[in-house]
Amino acid sequence: MERKTIAVIGMSCNGCEQNVETALRNLDGVNRVEADHDADTVDVVLKDGVSDDDVNAAIEQAGYDVKA
């Protein structure tokens, strides 16, 4: 298991948090997700083998940007 904190640009409300959380929960290997629009972050716990590219793509497909 691996825990990551990802900086996300564009979340402005609880609904945004839910959108990002739902997008990430739909990925295989994601065990826990908690988004915080006030901090512009998403904390995620992943099984080994889940790539950063997959996580970032899910966030971007939900309509938000990942801060590099």
PDB file of N, CA and C in Angstrom:
ATOM      1  N   MET A   1       0.829  -1.178   0.000  1.00  0.00           N
ATOM      2  CA  MET A   1       0.000   0.000   0.000  1.00  0.00           C
ATOM      3  C   MET A   1       0.878   1.248   0.000  1.00  0.00           C
ATOM      4  N   GLU A   2       0.374   2.251  -0.662  1.00  0.00           N
ATOM      5  CA  GLU A   2       1.099   3.502  -0.751  1.00  0.00           C
ATOM      6  C   GLU A   2       0.122   4.652  -0.535  1.00  0.00           C
ATOM      7  N   ARG A   3       0.534   5.629   0.254  1.00  0.00           N
ATOM      8  CA  ARG A   3      -0.295   6.812   0.493  1.00  0.00           C
ATOM      9  C   ARG A   3       0.329   7.996  -0.227  1.00  0.00           C
ATOM     10  N   LYS A   4      -0.521   8.744  -0.937  1.00  0.00           N
ATOM     11  CA  LYS A   4      -0.052   9.914  -1.658  1.00  0.00           C
ATOM     12  C   LYS A   4      -0.966  11.085  -1.383  1.00  0.00           C
ATOM     13  N   THR A   5      -0.391  12.268  -1.403  1.00  0.00           N
ATOM     14  CA  THR A   5      -1.166  13.502  -1.374  1.00  0.00           C
ATOM     15  C   THR A   5      -0.912  14.198  -2.700  1.00  0.00           C
ATOM     16  N   ILE A   6      -1.997  14.473  -3.404  1.00  0.00           N
ATOM     17  CA  ILE A   6      -1.918  15.038  -4.741  1.00  0.00           C
ATOM     18  C   ILE A   6      -2.524  16.439  -4.715  1.00  0.00           C
ATOM     19  N   ALA A   7      -1.812  17.396  -5.284  1.00  0.00           N
ATOM     20  CA  ALA A   7      -2.322  18.758  -5.394  1.00  0.00           C
ATOM     21  C   ALA A   7      -3.244  18.833  -6.607  1.00  0.00           C
ATOM     22  N   VAL A   8      -4.466  19.295  -6.393  1.00  0.00           N
ATOM     23  CA  VAL A   8      -5.473  19.363  -7.445  1.00  0.00           C
ATOM     24  C   VAL A   8      -5.942  20.805  -7.604  1.00  0.00           C
ATOM     25  N   ILE A   9      -5.994  21.257  -8.834  1.00  0.00           N
ATOM     26  CA  ILE A   9      -6.415  22.622  -9.142  1.00  0.00           C
ATOM     27  C   ILE A   9      -7.847  22.582  -9.672  1.00  0.00           C
ATOM     28  N   GLY A  10      -8.693  23.458  -9.129  1.00  0.00           N
ATOM     29  CA  GLY A  10     -10.033  23.602  -9.662  1.00  0.00           C
ATOM     30  C   GLY A  10     -11.161  23.159  -8.749  1.00  0.00           C
ATOM     31  N   MET A  11     -10.848  22.547  -7.607  1.00  0.00           N
ATOM     32  CA  MET A  11     -11.906  22.168  -6.674  1.00  0.00           C
ATOM     33  C   MET A  11     -12.320  23.402  -5.874  1.00  0.00           C
ATOM     34  N   SER A  12     -13.624  23.680  -5.842  1.00  0.00           N
ATOM     35  CA  SER A  12     -14.070  24.878  -5.131  1.00  0.00           C
ATOM     36  C   SER A  12     -15.197  24.616  -4.137  1.00  0.00           C
ATOM     37  N   CYS A  13     -15.660  23.359  -4.048  1.00  0.00           N
ATOM     38  CA  CYS A  13     -16.788  23.079  -3.158  1.00  0.00           C
ATOM     39  C   CYS A  13     -16.812  21.594  -2.796  1.00  0.00           C
ATOM     40  N   ASN A  14     -17.761  21.237  -1.930  1.00  0.00           N
ATOM     41  CA  ASN A  14     -17.902  19.832  -1.534  1.00  0.00           C
ATOM     42  C   ASN A  14     -18.274  18.949  -2.715  1.00  0.00           C
ATOM     43  N   GLY A  15     -19.035  19.490  -3.642  1.00  0.00           N
ATOM     44  CA  GLY A  15     -19.396  18.726  -4.836  1.00  0.00           C
ATOM     45  C   GLY A  15     -18.172  18.379  -5.669  1.00  0.00           C
ATOM     46  N   CYS A  16     -17.243  19.319  -5.751  1.00  0.00           N
ATOM     47  CA  CYS A  16     -15.986  19.051  -6.454  1.00  0.00           C
ATOM     48  C   CYS A  16     -15.217  17.926  -5.777  1.00  0.00           C
ATOM     49  N   GLU A  17     -15.169  17.970  -4.458  1.00  0.00           N
ATOM     50  CA  GLU A  17     -14.503  16.906  -3.704  1.00  0.00           C
ATOM     51  C   GLU A  17     -15.118  15.557  -4.054  1.00  0.00           C
ATOM     52  N   GLN A  18     -16.444  15.504  -4.076  1.00  0.00           N
ATOM     53  CA  GLN A  18     -17.138  14.249  -4.364  1.00  0.00           C
ATOM     54  C   GLN A  18     -16.836  13.772  -5.776  1.00  0.00           C
ATOM     55  N   ASN A  19     -16.769  14.691  -6.737  1.00  0.00           N
ATOM     56  CA  ASN A  19     -16.451  14.313  -8.116  1.00  0.00           C
ATOM     57  C   ASN A  19     -15.084  13.646  -8.209  1.00  0.00           C
ATOM     58  N   VAL A  20     -14.096  14.248  -7.564  1.00  0.00           N
ATOM     59  CA  VAL A  20     -12.740  13.695  -7.594  1.00  0.00           C
ATOM     60  C   VAL A  20     -12.695  12.360  -6.853  1.00  0.00           C
ATOM     61  N   GLU A  21     -13.331  12.288  -5.689  1.00  0.00           N
ATOM     62  CA  GLU A  21     -13.344  11.049  -4.920  1.00  0.00           C
ATOM     63  C   GLU A  21     -14.003   9.919  -5.707  1.00  0.00           C
ATOM     64  N   THR A  22     -15.114  10.205  -6.360  1.00  0.00           N
ATOM     65  CA  THR A  22     -15.807   9.180  -7.142  1.00  0.00           C
ATOM     66  C   THR A  22     -14.941   8.705  -8.300  1.00  0.00           C
ATOM     67  N   ALA A  23     -14.300   9.631  -8.992  1.00  0.00           N
ATOM     68  CA  ALA A  23     -13.437   9.269 -10.119  1.00  0.00           C
ATOM     69  C   ALA A  23     -12.313   8.345  -9.665  1.00  0.00           C
ATOM     70  N   LEU A  24     -11.721   8.637  -8.514  1.00  0.00           N
ATOM     71  CA  LEU A  24     -10.615   7.817  -8.029  1.00  0.00           C
ATOM     72  C   LEU A  24     -11.099   6.482  -7.474  1.00  0.00           C
ATOM     73  N   ARG A  25     -12.249   6.458  -6.846  1.00  0.00           N
ATOM     74  CA  ARG A  25     -12.775   5.190  -6.320  1.00  0.00           C
ATOM     75  C   ARG A  25     -13.100   4.206  -7.440  1.00  0.00           C
ATOM     76  N   ASN A  26     -13.334   4.718  -8.639  1.00  0.00           N
ATOM     77  CA  ASN A  26     -13.617   3.847  -9.769  1.00  0.00           C
ATOM     78  C   ASN A  26     -12.379   3.161 -10.330  1.00  0.00           C
ATOM     79  N   LEU A  27     -11.200   3.562  -9.873  1.00  0.00           N
ATOM     80  CA  LEU A  27      -9.962   2.905 -10.294  1.00  0.00           C
ATOM     81  C   LEU A  27      -9.729   1.646  -9.464  1.00  0.00           C
ATOM     82  N   ASP A  28      -9.338   0.581 -10.126  1.00  0.00           N
ATOM     83  CA  ASP A  28      -8.959  -0.632  -9.399  1.00  0.00           C
ATOM     84  C   ASP A  28      -7.708  -0.349  -8.584  1.00  0.00           C
ATOM     85  N   GLY A  29      -7.709  -0.773  -7.339  1.00  0.00           N
ATOM     86  CA  GLY A  29      -6.537  -0.630  -6.495  1.00  0.00           C
ATOM     87  C   GLY A  29      -6.552   0.585  -5.589  1.00  0.00           C
ATOM     88  N   VAL A  30      -7.607   1.391  -5.670  1.00  0.00           N
ATOM     89  CA  VAL A  30      -7.716   2.549  -4.779  1.00  0.00           C
ATOM     90  C   VAL A  30      -8.491   2.113  -3.546  1.00  0.00           C
ATOM     91  N   ASN A  31      -7.870   2.220  -2.381  1.00  0.00           N
ATOM     92  CA  ASN A  31      -8.501   1.765  -1.140  1.00  0.00           C
ATOM     93  C   ASN A  31      -9.182   2.882  -0.362  1.00  0.00           C
ATOM     94  N   ARG A  32      -8.621   4.079  -0.420  1.00  0.00           N
ATOM     95  CA  ARG A  32      -9.168   5.185   0.366  1.00  0.00           C
ATOM     96  C   ARG A  32      -8.890   6.482  -0.360  1.00  0.00           C
ATOM     97  N   VAL A  33      -9.875   7.378  -0.344  1.00  0.00           N
ATOM     98  CA  VAL A  33      -9.726   8.684  -0.989  1.00  0.00           C
ATOM     99  C   VAL A  33     -10.375   9.737  -0.098  1.00  0.00           C
ATOM    100  N   GLU A  34      -9.681  10.847   0.073  1.00  0.00           N
ATOM    101  CA  GLU A  34     -10.266  11.982   0.793  1.00  0.00           C
ATOM    102  C   GLU A  34      -9.784  13.273   0.134  1.00  0.00           C
ATOM    103  N   ALA A  35     -10.719  13.982  -0.488  1.00  0.00           N
ATOM    104  CA  ALA A  35     -10.407  15.252  -1.140  1.00  0.00           C
ATOM    105  C   ALA A  35     -10.717  16.402  -0.196  1.00  0.00           C
ATOM    106  N   ASP A  36      -9.950  17.481  -0.324  1.00  0.00           N
ATOM    107  CA  ASP A  36     -10.147  18.682   0.496  1.00  0.00           C
ATOM    108  C   ASP A  36     -10.016  19.904  -0.410  1.00  0.00           C
ATOM    109  N   HIS A  37     -11.151  20.515  -0.747  1.00  0.00           N
ATOM    110  CA  HIS A  37     -11.103  21.657  -1.663  1.00  0.00           C
ATOM    111  C   HIS A  37     -10.460  22.892  -1.027  1.00  0.00           C
ATOM    112  N   ASP A  38     -10.518  23.008   0.282  1.00  0.00           N
ATOM    113  CA  ASP A  38      -9.876  24.145   0.950  1.00  0.00           C
ATOM    114  C   ASP A  38      -8.355  24.071   0.827  1.00  0.00           C
ATOM    115  N   ALA A  39      -7.810  22.870   0.909  1.00  0.00           N
ATOM    116  CA  ALA A  39      -6.361  22.671   0.813  1.00  0.00           C
ATOM    117  C   ALA A  39      -5.914  22.366  -0.613  1.00  0.00           C
ATOM    118  N   ASP A  40      -6.877  22.166  -1.523  1.00  0.00           N
ATOM    119  CA  ASP A  40      -6.575  21.799  -2.909  1.00  0.00           C
ATOM    120  C   ASP A  40      -5.758  20.513  -2.992  1.00  0.00           C
ATOM    121  N   THR A  41      -6.146  19.526  -2.164  1.00  0.00           N
ATOM    122  CA  THR A  41      -5.431  18.257  -2.161  1.00  0.00           C
ATOM    123  C   THR A  41      -6.394  17.070  -2.158  1.00  0.00           C
ATOM    124  N   VAL A  42      -5.840  15.937  -2.561  1.00  0.00           N
ATOM    125  CA  VAL A  42      -6.530  14.656  -2.448  1.00  0.00           C
ATOM    126  C   VAL A  42      -5.550  13.688  -1.821  1.00  0.00           C
ATOM    127  N   ASP A  43      -5.945  13.077  -0.715  1.00  0.00           N
ATOM    128  CA  ASP A  43      -5.162  12.009  -0.101  1.00  0.00           C
ATOM    129  C   ASP A  43      -5.725  10.694  -0.602  1.00  0.00           C
ATOM    130  N   VAL A  44      -4.840   9.821  -1.077  1.00  0.00           N
ATOM    131  CA  VAL A  44      -5.289   8.557  -1.643  1.00  0.00           C
ATOM    132  C   VAL A  44      -4.374   7.436  -1.153  1.00  0.00           C
ATOM    133  N   VAL A  45      -4.979   6.295  -0.837  1.00  0.00           N
ATOM    134  CA  VAL A  45      -4.234   5.102  -0.458  1.00  0.00           C
ATOM    135  C   VAL A  45      -4.422   4.094  -1.576  1.00  0.00           C
ATOM    136  N   LEU A  46      -3.296   3.657  -2.151  1.00  0.00           N
ATOM    137  CA  LEU A  46      -3.311   2.805  -3.331  1.00  0.00           C
ATOM    138  C   LEU A  46      -2.621   1.477  -3.076  1.00  0.00           C
ATOM    139  N   LYS A  47      -3.109   0.459  -3.741  1.00  0.00           N
ATOM    140  CA  LYS A  47      -2.381  -0.807  -3.764  1.00  0.00           C
ATOM    141  C   LYS A  47      -1.185  -0.641  -4.678  1.00  0.00           C
ATOM    142  N   ASP A  48      -0.175  -1.474  -4.482  1.00  0.00           N
ATOM    143  CA  ASP A  48       0.984  -1.457  -5.364  1.00  0.00           C
ATOM    144  C   ASP A  48       0.529  -1.735  -6.788  1.00  0.00           C
ATOM    145  N   GLY A  49       1.130  -1.043  -7.737  1.00  0.00           N
ATOM    146  CA  GLY A  49       0.812  -1.269  -9.134  1.00  0.00           C
ATOM    147  C   GLY A  49      -0.113  -0.239  -9.754  1.00  0.00           C
ATOM    148  N   VAL A  50      -0.715   0.624  -8.943  1.00  0.00           N
ATOM    149  CA  VAL A  50      -1.545   1.695  -9.487  1.00  0.00           C
ATOM    150  C   VAL A  50      -0.604   2.839  -9.873  1.00  0.00           C
ATOM    151  N   SER A  51      -0.641   3.211 -11.146  1.00  0.00           N
ATOM    152  CA  SER A  51       0.327   4.199 -11.626  1.00  0.00           C
ATOM    153  C   SER A  51      -0.141   5.627 -11.363  1.00  0.00           C
ATOM    154  N   ASP A  52       0.826   6.511 -11.253  1.00  0.00           N
ATOM    155  CA  ASP A  52       0.526   7.933 -11.119  1.00  0.00           C
ATOM    156  C   ASP A  52      -0.252   8.425 -12.333  1.00  0.00           C
ATOM    157  N   ASP A  53       0.097   7.906 -13.504  1.00  0.00           N
ATOM    158  CA  ASP A  53      -0.593   8.321 -14.728  1.00  0.00           C
ATOM    159  C   ASP A  53      -2.078   7.986 -14.664  1.00  0.00           C
ATOM    160  N   ASP A  54      -2.413   6.805 -14.143  1.00  0.00           N
ATOM    161  CA  ASP A  54      -3.827   6.414 -14.035  1.00  0.00           C
ATOM    162  C   ASP A  54      -4.570   7.317 -13.055  1.00  0.00           C
ATOM    163  N   VAL A  55      -3.939   7.614 -11.941  1.00  0.00           N
ATOM    164  CA  VAL A  55      -4.547   8.480 -10.929  1.00  0.00           C
ATOM    165  C   VAL A  55      -4.755   9.879 -11.496  1.00  0.00           C
ATOM    166  N   ASN A  56      -3.714  10.418 -12.118  1.00  0.00           N
ATOM    167  CA  ASN A  56      -3.809  11.762 -12.691  1.00  0.00           C
ATOM    168  C   ASN A  56      -4.857  11.823 -13.795  1.00  0.00           C
ATOM    169  N   ALA A  57      -4.923  10.792 -14.626  1.00  0.00           N
ATOM    170  CA  ALA A  57      -5.903  10.757 -15.714  1.00  0.00           C
ATOM    171  C   ALA A  57      -7.323  10.748 -15.166  1.00  0.00           C
ATOM    172  N   ALA A  58      -7.559  10.017 -14.096  1.00  0.00           N
ATOM    173  CA  ALA A  58      -8.896   9.968 -13.497  1.00  0.00           C
ATOM    174  C   ALA A  58      -9.304  11.343 -12.976  1.00  0.00           C
ATOM    175  N   ILE A  59      -8.380  12.031 -12.339  1.00  0.00           N
ATOM    176  CA  ILE A  59      -8.663  13.369 -11.823  1.00  0.00           C
ATOM    177  C   ILE A  59      -8.957  14.322 -12.985  1.00  0.00           C
ATOM    178  N   GLU A  60      -8.152  14.236 -14.029  1.00  0.00           N
ATOM    179  CA  GLU A  60      -8.335  15.120 -15.177  1.00  0.00           C
ATOM    180  C   GLU A  60      -9.631  14.816 -15.921  1.00  0.00           C
ATOM    181  N   GLN A  61     -10.005  13.544 -16.019  1.00  0.00           N
ATOM    182  CA  GLN A  61     -11.262  13.185 -16.671  1.00  0.00           C
ATOM    183  C   GLN A  61     -12.461  13.688 -15.872  1.00  0.00           C
ATOM    184  N   ALA A  62     -12.280  13.879 -14.574  1.00  0.00           N
ATOM    185  CA  ALA A  62     -13.347  14.427 -13.735  1.00  0.00           C
ATOM    186  C   ALA A  62     -13.460  15.951 -13.896  1.00  0.00           C
ATOM    187  N   GLY A  63     -12.499  16.556 -14.625  1.00  0.00           N
ATOM    188  CA  GLY A  63     -12.579  17.975 -14.905  1.00  0.00           C
ATOM    189  C   GLY A  63     -11.657  18.865 -14.089  1.00  0.00           C
ATOM    190  N   TYR A  64     -10.656  18.280 -13.461  1.00  0.00           N
ATOM    191  CA  TYR A  64      -9.747  19.042 -12.600  1.00  0.00           C
ATOM    192  C   TYR A  64      -8.314  18.828 -13.083  1.00  0.00           C
ATOM    193  N   ASP A  65      -7.428  19.689 -12.662  1.00  0.00           N
ATOM    194  CA  ASP A  65      -6.027  19.601 -13.070  1.00  0.00           C
ATOM    195  C   ASP A  65      -5.163  19.154 -11.894  1.00  0.00           C
ATOM    196  N   VAL A  66      -4.142  18.371 -12.216  1.00  0.00           N
ATOM    197  CA  VAL A  66      -3.168  17.940 -11.213  1.00  0.00           C
ATOM    198  C   VAL A  66      -2.009  18.903 -11.287  1.00  0.00           C
ATOM    199  N   LYS A  67      -1.655  19.466 -10.142  1.00  0.00           N
ATOM    200  CA  LYS A  67      -0.524  20.409 -10.096  1.00  0.00           C
ATOM    201  C   LYS A  67       0.775  19.621 -10.151  1.00  0.00           C
ATOM    202  N   ALA A  68       1.635  20.004 -11.076  1.00  0.00           N
ATOM    203  CA  ALA A  68       2.904  19.297 -11.258  1.00  0.00           C
ATOM    204  C   ALA A  68       3.890  19.631 -10.174  1.00  0.00           C
TER     205      ALA A  68
END
